[in-house]
Amino acid sequence: MENNPIQHYKEQSVNTMTSGELLLLLYDELVKNLLRCGLALDKQEYEVMEASADKSMDILRYLDDTLDDQYPISHQLHRLYEYFIYQLTRVKIGRNKKVLDEVRPRIAELRDAFRQADRNVAEEADKRPAPGPKGGAT
């Protein structure tokens, strides 16, 4: 197997990301695929459109599968992800740009909300005092 430094760098980057960074990476990829889906629909490139819609639905399914049901927001996100998947199925089957144009900004807004939440968590972490030495002087 060939040693690919670019692939190694990508794998290392993903492996060192926080859960918030990974979530944002998934949302960014989702938004990018939805944009690609819309552009392909405009150009009547239906194979590209279907592949982009499929990738988007795969990401949404993954996001749904990784929700922690102990939090009340998870139940609302389950329903939201199911709705998005249903709408993207309509886009794919009916080649319906109007539905895509309704879904894409909602997903982008959700991504932006998670981005802001991640920033808030980071700011709160920065405000906490650093832990002191354990067990005194050595």
Protein backbone atom coordinates (compact mmCIF):
# COMPACT_ATOMS: atom_id res chain seq x y z
CA MET A 1 0.00 0.00 0.00
CA GLU A 2 1.32 3.41 -0.97
CA ASN A 3 2.07 5.93 1.78
CA ASN A 4 -0.13 8.93 0.94
CA PRO A 5 0.81 11.92 3.13
CA ILE A 6 -2.34 13.87 2.22
CA GLN A 7 -4.61 10.98 3.23
CA HIS A 8 -2.59 10.50 6.43
CA TYR A 9 -2.97 14.21 7.25
CA LYS A 10 -6.75 14.06 6.68
CA GLU A 11 -7.12 10.99 8.89
CA GLN A 12 -5.00 12.56 11.63
CA SER A 13 -7.02 15.79 11.44
CA VAL A 14 -10.31 13.95 11.85
CA ASN A 15 -8.93 11.82 14.68
CA THR A 16 -7.90 14.89 16.69
CA MET A 17 -11.12 16.89 16.26
CA THR A 18 -13.49 17.57 19.12
CA SER A 19 -17.04 16.23 18.86
CA GLY A 20 -18.24 19.76 18.11
CA GLU A 21 -15.75 20.14 15.28
CA LEU A 22 -16.78 16.78 13.83
CA LEU A 23 -20.44 17.75 13.99
CA LEU A 24 -19.71 21.00 12.16
CA LEU A 25 -17.65 19.15 9.57
CA LEU A 26 -20.62 16.86 8.90
CA TYR A 27 -23.00 19.82 8.62
CA ASP A 28 -20.62 21.64 6.28
CA GLU A 29 -20.43 18.53 4.09
CA LEU A 30 -24.23 18.27 4.19
CA VAL A 31 -24.69 21.88 3.10
CA LYS A 32 -22.07 21.43 0.36
CA ASN A 33 -23.90 18.35 -0.98
CA LEU A 34 -27.23 20.19 -0.94
CA LEU A 35 -25.67 23.03 -2.91
CA ARG A 36 -24.22 20.53 -5.39
CA CYS A 37 -27.63 18.87 -5.62
CA GLY A 38 -29.28 22.18 -6.52
CA LEU A 39 -26.65 23.08 -9.11
CA ALA A 40 -26.96 19.64 -10.71
CA LEU A 41 -30.74 19.99 -10.81
CA ASP A 42 -30.39 23.35 -12.57
CA LYS A 43 -28.09 21.76 -15.15
CA GLN A 44 -30.30 18.68 -15.45
CA GLU A 45 -27.39 16.47 -14.37
CA TYR A 46 -29.63 13.97 -12.65
CA GLU A 47 -26.96 11.41 -11.74
CA VAL A 48 -24.97 14.07 -9.88
CA MET A 49 -28.17 15.36 -8.28
CA GLU A 50 -29.16 11.89 -7.08
CA ALA A 51 -25.66 11.12 -5.77
CA SER A 52 -25.60 14.43 -3.87
CA ALA A 53 -29.07 13.83 -2.44
CA ASP A 54 -28.03 10.30 -1.39
CA LYS A 55 -24.89 11.61 0.35
CA SER A 56 -26.99 14.24 2.11
CA MET A 57 -29.46 11.63 3.33
CA ASP A 58 -26.58 9.40 4.49
CA ILE A 59 -25.20 12.26 6.57
CA LEU A 60 -28.64 12.98 8.03
CA ARG A 61 -29.08 9.30 8.92
CA TYR A 62 -25.69 9.27 10.60
CA LEU A 63 -26.51 12.42 12.56
CA ASP A 64 -29.81 10.83 13.59
CA ASP A 65 -28.16 7.54 14.59
CA THR A 66 -25.62 9.30 16.81
CA LEU A 67 -28.12 11.33 18.84
CA ASP A 68 -28.09 10.70 22.58
CA ASP A 69 -31.71 10.08 23.57
CA GLN A 70 -31.14 11.11 27.18
CA TYR A 71 -31.50 14.75 26.10
CA PRO A 72 -34.95 16.17 25.23
CA ILE A 73 -33.53 18.05 22.21
CA SER A 74 -32.60 14.69 20.67
CA HIS A 75 -36.26 13.78 20.17
CA GLN A 76 -36.86 17.04 18.33
CA LEU A 77 -33.76 16.51 16.21
CA HIS A 78 -34.92 12.97 15.35
CA ARG A 79 -38.13 14.41 13.96
CA LEU A 80 -36.28 17.16 12.13
CA TYR A 81 -33.82 14.73 10.52
CA GLU A 82 -36.69 12.45 9.47
CA TYR A 83 -38.42 15.45 7.89
CA PHE A 84 -35.26 16.46 6.02
CA ILE A 85 -34.75 12.91 4.74
CA TYR A 86 -38.37 12.75 3.60
CA GLN A 87 -38.04 16.09 1.80
CA LEU A 88 -34.79 15.06 0.12
CA THR A 89 -36.47 11.88 -1.06
CA ARG A 90 -39.10 14.12 -2.66
CA VAL A 91 -36.34 16.19 -4.26
CA LYS A 92 -34.65 13.10 -5.62
CA ILE A 93 -37.74 11.34 -6.93
CA GLY A 94 -39.58 14.41 -8.23
CA ARG A 95 -36.51 16.45 -9.18
CA ASN A 96 -38.19 19.13 -7.14
CA LYS A 97 -36.01 22.25 -6.80
CA LYS A 98 -38.66 24.13 -4.82
CA VAL A 99 -38.52 21.59 -2.00
CA LEU A 100 -34.72 21.67 -2.02
CA ASP A 101 -34.79 25.47 -1.82
CA GLU A 102 -37.01 25.19 1.28
CA VAL A 103 -34.85 22.56 3.02
CA ARG A 104 -31.37 23.90 2.31
CA PRO A 105 -31.67 27.15 4.33
CA ARG A 106 -33.22 25.29 7.27
CA ILE A 107 -30.29 22.89 7.39
CA ALA A 108 -27.86 25.82 7.05
CA GLU A 109 -29.60 27.55 9.98
CA LEU A 110 -29.29 24.40 12.07
CA ARG A 111 -25.58 24.19 11.19
CA ASP A 112 -25.13 27.83 12.19
CA ALA A 113 -26.90 27.19 15.50
CA PHE A 114 -24.55 24.28 16.25
CA ARG A 115 -21.57 26.45 15.25
CA GLN A 116 -22.68 29.14 17.70
CA ALA A 117 -23.25 26.56 20.43
CA ASP A 118 -19.75 25.18 19.85
CA ARG A 119 -18.32 28.71 20.16
CA ASN A 120 -20.27 29.26 23.39
CA VAL A 121 -18.93 26.03 24.86
CA ALA A 122 -15.38 27.00 23.90
CA GLU A 123 -15.79 30.45 25.45
CA GLU A 124 -17.13 28.94 28.67
CA ALA A 125 -14.21 26.52 28.78
CA ASP A 126 -11.77 29.43 28.36
CA LYS A 127 -13.37 31.24 31.32
CA ARG A 128 -12.85 28.30 33.72
CA PRO A 129 -9.78 28.52 35.90
CA ALA A 130 -6.99 26.12 35.05
CA PRO A 131 -6.82 23.15 37.42
CA GLY A 132 -4.15 23.45 40.08
CA PRO A 133 -1.34 20.95 40.65
CA LYS A 134 -2.39 17.67 42.21
CA GLY A 135 -0.84 16.55 45.45
CA GLY A 136 1.28 19.64 46.06
CA ALA A 137 4.96 20.18 45.26
CA THR A 138 7.26 17.41 44.13
